[in-house]
Protein backbone atom coordinates (compact mmCIF):
# COMPACT_ATOMS: atom_id res chain seq x y z
CA MET A 1 -49.14 75.45 50.27
CA THR A 2 -52.63 75.08 51.62
CA PRO A 3 -54.52 71.81 51.92
CA MET A 4 -56.89 71.05 49.07
CA ALA A 5 -60.39 72.23 49.59
CA MET A 6 -63.37 70.21 48.51
CA GLY A 7 -63.83 72.01 45.17
CA ASP A 8 -60.15 72.41 44.17
CA PRO A 9 -58.91 70.48 41.10
CA PRO A 10 -56.26 67.82 41.68
CA PRO A 11 -52.63 68.86 41.10
CA PRO A 12 -51.16 68.23 37.63
CA PRO A 13 -49.11 65.06 37.08
CA GLY A 14 -45.52 65.27 38.21
CA TYR A 15 -46.33 67.06 41.46
CA GLY A 16 -46.14 65.39 44.79
CA PRO A 17 -43.61 63.15 46.47
CA PRO A 18 -41.21 61.16 44.27
CA PRO A 19 -42.09 57.53 43.71
CA GLY A 20 -40.41 54.95 45.89
CA PRO A 21 -38.00 52.25 44.70
CA PRO A 22 -39.41 49.48 42.54
CA PRO A 23 -40.32 46.26 44.31
CA GLY A 24 -37.88 43.40 44.24
CA PRO A 25 -34.13 43.05 44.76
CA PRO A 26 -31.83 45.96 43.90
CA PRO A 27 -30.11 45.91 40.50
CA TYR A 28 -26.67 44.36 40.05
CA GLY A 29 -24.24 46.02 42.47
CA ALA A 30 -26.65 48.87 43.24
CA GLY A 31 -25.39 51.22 45.88
CA TYR A 32 -22.38 49.18 46.88
CA GLY A 33 -20.32 48.91 43.66
CA GLY A 34 -19.84 45.21 44.21
CA ALA A 35 -20.61 42.01 42.41
CA PRO A 36 -23.63 39.90 43.33
CA TYR A 37 -23.59 36.89 45.61
CA GLY A 38 -20.65 38.11 47.65
CA GLY A 39 -18.32 37.94 44.64
CA TYR A 40 -15.45 40.24 43.90
CA ASN A 41 -14.94 42.86 41.25
CA ALA A 42 -13.31 41.68 38.04
CA HIS A 43 -10.22 43.46 36.78
CA GLU A 44 -8.13 43.47 33.63
CA HIS A 45 -5.60 40.72 33.05
CA PRO A 46 -2.20 42.23 33.97
CA GLN A 47 -0.63 41.27 30.62
CA GLY A 48 -3.60 42.18 28.43
CA THR A 49 -2.32 45.54 27.22
CA THR A 50 1.21 44.19 26.73
CA ILE A 51 -0.08 41.33 24.56
CA LEU A 52 -2.17 43.70 22.47
CA VAL A 53 0.73 46.13 21.95
CA LEU A 54 3.13 43.29 21.08
CA GLY A 55 0.60 41.88 18.61
CA ILE A 56 0.11 45.20 16.87
CA LEU A 57 3.85 45.94 16.79
CA SER A 58 4.51 42.48 15.38
CA ILE A 59 2.37 43.27 12.36
CA VAL A 60 3.47 46.88 11.91
CA LEU A 61 7.17 46.91 12.81
CA CYS A 62 8.84 43.62 13.65
CA GLN A 63 7.43 40.20 12.80
CA LEU A 64 9.80 38.58 15.30
CA LEU A 65 7.46 39.79 18.06
CA GLY A 66 4.63 37.69 16.61
CA PRO A 67 5.51 34.39 18.28
CA VAL A 68 6.03 36.22 21.59
CA ALA A 69 2.56 37.77 21.41
CA TRP A 70 1.08 34.43 20.34
CA VAL A 71 2.59 32.47 23.25
CA MET A 72 1.83 35.17 25.83
CA GLY A 73 -1.72 35.39 24.47
CA ASN A 74 -2.20 31.62 24.75
CA ASN A 75 -1.02 31.67 28.37
CA ALA A 76 -3.24 34.63 29.27
CA ILE A 77 -6.30 33.09 27.56
CA ALA A 78 -5.71 29.88 29.53
CA GLU A 79 -5.62 31.91 32.77
CA ILE A 80 -8.78 33.76 31.82
CA ASP A 81 -10.53 30.49 30.93
CA ARG A 82 -9.60 28.99 34.30
CA ASN A 83 -11.24 31.94 36.12
CA PRO A 84 -13.55 33.80 33.69
CA MET A 85 -15.22 35.95 36.36
CA ALA A 86 -11.90 37.50 37.43
CA TYR A 87 -10.89 39.22 34.18
CA THR A 88 -12.65 41.70 31.92
CA ASN A 89 -10.28 42.13 28.96
CA ARG A 90 -10.42 38.77 27.18
CA SER A 91 -11.19 40.52 23.88
CA SER A 92 -8.02 42.63 23.91
CA VAL A 93 -5.91 39.59 24.85
CA GLN A 94 -7.56 37.63 22.03
CA ALA A 95 -6.92 40.49 19.56
CA GLY A 96 -3.23 40.62 20.52
CA ARG A 97 -2.98 36.84 20.21
CA ILE A 98 -4.56 36.89 16.73
CA CYS A 99 -2.22 39.67 15.63
CA GLY A 100 0.66 37.51 16.86
CA ILE A 101 -0.63 34.55 14.86
CA VAL A 102 -0.92 36.67 11.71
CA ALA A 103 2.57 38.13 12.20
CA THR A 104 4.01 34.64 12.76
CA GLY A 105 2.43 33.51 9.50
CA LEU A 106 3.93 36.50 7.72
CA LEU A 107 7.31 35.75 9.33
CA ILE A 108 7.20 32.14 8.06
CA LEU A 109 6.11 33.29 4.60
CA THR A 110 8.94 35.83 4.49
CA ALA A 111 11.47 33.20 5.57
CA VAL A 112 10.26 30.78 2.87
CA LEU A 113 10.47 33.50 0.21
CA ILE A 114 14.01 34.39 1.29
CA VAL A 115 15.09 30.73 1.12
CA VAL A 116 13.50 30.38 -2.33
CA ALA A 117 15.25 33.56 -3.51
CA ILE A 118 18.63 32.32 -2.21
CA VAL A 119 18.18 28.92 -3.88
CA ALA A 120 17.10 30.58 -7.13
CA ALA A 121 20.10 32.95 -7.01
CA ALA A 122 22.48 30.07 -6.33
CA ALA A 123 20.99 28.00 -9.15
CA SER A 124 21.20 30.83 -11.67
CA SER A 125 24.81 31.72 -10.82
CA SER A 126 26.18 28.22 -11.53
């Protein structure tokens, strides 16, 4: 490529060296994959997937798993609340916990209906 002479038109836009980086600090974790301010990378709560699976199974298959998912979810949410920057999967833990609550409600409703049916059967047979 020859240097521009006095009468040559300027090059079209898009030619030339690429623009430099924007002024100011780099974006969050740019280039290093880390958290800002010397923090550490957040990870998933170790029981998050287990709580979600137990919650779903408690609704679909066995309502007896509902209280287990509810209690485990409460404990995990408490851990996440104590250190919110350390964990990324609060929503899946919360979903498993809510499924456990719903399944526990269904378990109690089923137990009440069974007791009512037994009392009604006993009353009608005498």
